[in-house]
Each structure stands twice: as structure tokens, then as C-alpha cells.
Amino acid sequence: MDSLEQRIRDRAYHIWEEEGRPHGREREHWQRARSEVMAVQNGEHVSDHDVASRRRKTSRAVKIEAKSKRGKTSKKAPEDRPRA
């Protein structure tokens, strides 16, 4: 394994740990790690603000995805609810 891939792997692992070891987000963590490692390799500065901004965007995307998986039919209209 070359050193670039190992650095991406290490960074993705740290991202995974920072986010509480969630399942099913490997691709997202890998892409984010790759972006960060490539930016550093190209001499770009990756600030804490950039990292925090990416986390917020990621968090929003996850919430939106979760809502879409639940579907819009999860709330019943008042007339569809059983009466007590």
C-alpha cells in the first residue's frame, strides 16, 4: 500500500472515530479524508473551520437522508388516526 493511500486510510479512521463510529458511512469518510489529505499534499491549508464546515454539511446530509428513508407517510392525517 502506498503512503498516500495509508494517509487517507488513517484520516478516514480518525474521522470515523470522531463521529462516534457510525455504521454505513465508510464512503463518506473516505471521500472526506481523501479531500483533506490531497489538500494538504497540494500545499493547501485545511483549517479547523473548513473541517467543522464539512462536518455540519455532512450532518445535514445524513439527517435529510434519514428523513427520506422514513418516507413522507409516517405522519397520519387526523382522519386516519384511530379514535379512542
C-alpha atoms as a PDB file:
ATOM      1  CA  MET A   1       0.000   0.000   0.000  1.00  0.00           C
ATOM      2  CA  ASP A   2       1.460   3.382  -0.906  1.00  0.00           C
ATOM      3  CA  SER A   3       1.854   6.146   1.630  1.00  0.00           C
ATOM      4  CA  LEU A   4      -0.923   8.322   0.132  1.00  0.00           C
ATOM      5  CA  GLU A   5      -3.477   5.551   0.492  1.00  0.00           C
ATOM      6  CA  GLN A   6      -2.278   4.849   4.030  1.00  0.00           C
ATOM      7  CA  ARG A   7      -2.643   8.523   4.999  1.00  0.00           C
ATOM      8  CA  ILE A   8      -6.178   8.569   3.571  1.00  0.00           C
ATOM      9  CA  ARG A   9      -6.994   5.336   5.414  1.00  0.00           C
ATOM     10  CA  ASP A  10      -5.638   6.744   8.693  1.00  0.00           C
ATOM     11  CA  ARG A  11      -7.538  10.017   8.298  1.00  0.00           C
ATOM     12  CA  ALA A  12     -10.783   8.207   7.414  1.00  0.00           C
ATOM     13  CA  TYR A  13     -10.376   6.092  10.539  1.00  0.00           C
ATOM     14  CA  HIS A  14      -9.926   9.207  12.686  1.00  0.00           C
ATOM     15  CA  ILE A  15     -12.975  10.841  11.106  1.00  0.00           C
ATOM     16  CA  TRP A  16     -14.978   7.672  11.824  1.00  0.00           C
ATOM     17  CA  GLU A  17     -13.872   7.742  15.455  1.00  0.00           C
ATOM     18  CA  GLU A  18     -14.563  11.490  15.825  1.00  0.00           C
ATOM     19  CA  GLU A  19     -18.128  10.935  14.632  1.00  0.00           C
ATOM     20  CA  GLY A  20     -18.798   8.182  17.150  1.00  0.00           C
ATOM     21  CA  ARG A  21     -18.042   5.173  14.914  1.00  0.00           C
ATOM     22  CA  PRO A  22     -21.262   5.253  12.870  1.00  0.00           C
ATOM     23  CA  HIS A  23     -22.057   2.349  10.561  1.00  0.00           C
ATOM     24  CA  GLY A  24     -22.642   2.717   6.831  1.00  0.00           C
ATOM     25  CA  ARG A  25     -20.694   5.938   6.249  1.00  0.00           C
ATOM     26  CA  GLU A  26     -17.402   4.464   5.024  1.00  0.00           C
ATOM     27  CA  ARG A  27     -17.580   6.038   1.571  1.00  0.00           C
ATOM     28  CA  GLU A  28     -18.337   9.470   3.003  1.00  0.00           C
ATOM     29  CA  HIS A  29     -15.462   9.234   5.480  1.00  0.00           C
ATOM     30  CA  TRP A  30     -13.083   8.033   2.773  1.00  0.00           C
ATOM     31  CA  GLN A  31     -14.038  10.880   0.425  1.00  0.00           C
ATOM     32  CA  ARG A  32     -13.663  13.475   3.146  1.00  0.00           C
ATOM     33  CA  ALA A  33     -10.318  12.027   4.223  1.00  0.00           C
ATOM     34  CA  ARG A  34      -9.123  11.978   0.624  1.00  0.00           C
ATOM     35  CA  SER A  35     -10.095  15.628   0.146  1.00  0.00           C
ATOM     36  CA  GLU A  36      -8.257  16.658   3.292  1.00  0.00           C
ATOM     37  CA  VAL A  37      -5.127  14.629   2.549  1.00  0.00           C
ATOM     38  CA  MET A  38      -4.984  15.844  -1.061  1.00  0.00           C
ATOM     39  CA  ALA A  39      -5.410  19.459   0.055  1.00  0.00           C
ATOM     40  CA  VAL A  40      -2.509  19.126   2.469  1.00  0.00           C
ATOM     41  CA  GLN A  41      -0.416  17.354  -0.172  1.00  0.00           C
ATOM     42  CA  ASN A  42      -1.078  20.196  -2.622  1.00  0.00           C
ATOM     43  CA  GLY A  43       0.089  22.722  -0.070  1.00  0.00           C
ATOM     44  CA  GLU A  44      -3.372  24.000   0.784  1.00  0.00           C
ATOM     45  CA  HIS A  45      -4.120  24.823   4.378  1.00  0.00           C
ATOM     46  CA  VAL A  46      -7.020  22.888   5.852  1.00  0.00           C
ATOM     47  CA  SER A  47      -8.249  24.956   8.765  1.00  0.00           C
ATOM     48  CA  ASP A  48     -10.346  23.792  11.683  1.00  0.00           C
ATOM     49  CA  HIS A  49     -13.102  25.992  10.265  1.00  0.00           C
ATOM     50  CA  ASP A  50     -13.035  24.039   6.978  1.00  0.00           C
ATOM     51  CA  VAL A  51     -13.233  20.744   8.834  1.00  0.00           C
ATOM     52  CA  ALA A  52     -16.086  21.989  11.041  1.00  0.00           C
ATOM     53  CA  SER A  53     -17.952  23.261   7.997  1.00  0.00           C
ATOM     54  CA  ARG A  54     -17.640  19.862   6.303  1.00  0.00           C
ATOM     55  CA  ARG A  55     -18.942  18.161   9.448  1.00  0.00           C
ATOM     56  CA  ARG A  56     -22.014  20.408   9.519  1.00  0.00           C
ATOM     57  CA  LYS A  57     -22.730  19.741   5.845  1.00  0.00           C
ATOM     58  CA  THR A  58     -22.279  16.019   6.414  1.00  0.00           C
ATOM     59  CA  SER A  59     -24.566  16.069   9.434  1.00  0.00           C
ATOM     60  CA  ARG A  60     -27.293  17.862   7.473  1.00  0.00           C
ATOM     61  CA  ALA A  61     -26.993  15.408   4.592  1.00  0.00           C
ATOM     62  CA  VAL A  62     -27.335  12.453   6.950  1.00  0.00           C
ATOM     63  CA  LYS A  63     -30.454  13.952   8.547  1.00  0.00           C
ATOM     64  CA  ILE A  64     -32.024  14.610   5.149  1.00  0.00           C
ATOM     65  CA  GLU A  65     -31.243  11.073   4.017  1.00  0.00           C
ATOM     66  CA  ALA A  66     -32.759   9.614   7.185  1.00  0.00           C
ATOM     67  CA  LYS A  67     -35.944  11.606   6.664  1.00  0.00           C
ATOM     68  CA  SER A  68     -36.250  10.474   3.060  1.00  0.00           C
ATOM     69  CA  LYS A  69     -35.809   6.822   4.094  1.00  0.00           C
ATOM     70  CA  ARG A  70     -38.638   7.152   6.626  1.00  0.00           C
ATOM     71  CA  GLY A  71     -40.920   8.470   3.939  1.00  0.00           C
ATOM     72  CA  LYS A  72     -43.489  11.186   3.989  1.00  0.00           C
ATOM     73  CA  THR A  73     -46.300   8.859   5.031  1.00  0.00           C
ATOM     74  CA  SER A  74     -45.049   8.475   8.578  1.00  0.00           C
ATOM     75  CA  LYS A  75     -47.459  11.126   9.875  1.00  0.00           C
ATOM     76  CA  LYS A  76     -51.079  10.178   9.734  1.00  0.00           C
ATOM     77  CA  ALA A  77     -53.723  12.719   8.951  1.00  0.00           C
ATOM     78  CA  PRO A  78     -56.181  13.308  11.832  1.00  0.00           C
ATOM     79  CA  GLU A  79     -58.971  11.499   9.988  1.00  0.00           C
ATOM     80  CA  ASP A  80     -56.735   8.421   9.532  1.00  0.00           C
ATOM     81  CA  ARG A  81     -55.938   8.087  13.230  1.00  0.00           C
ATOM     82  CA  PRO A  82     -57.962   5.600  15.244  1.00  0.00           C
ATOM     83  CA  ARG A  83     -60.368   7.237  17.645  1.00  0.00           C
ATOM     84  CA  ALA A  84     -60.258   6.428  21.303  1.00  0.00           C
END
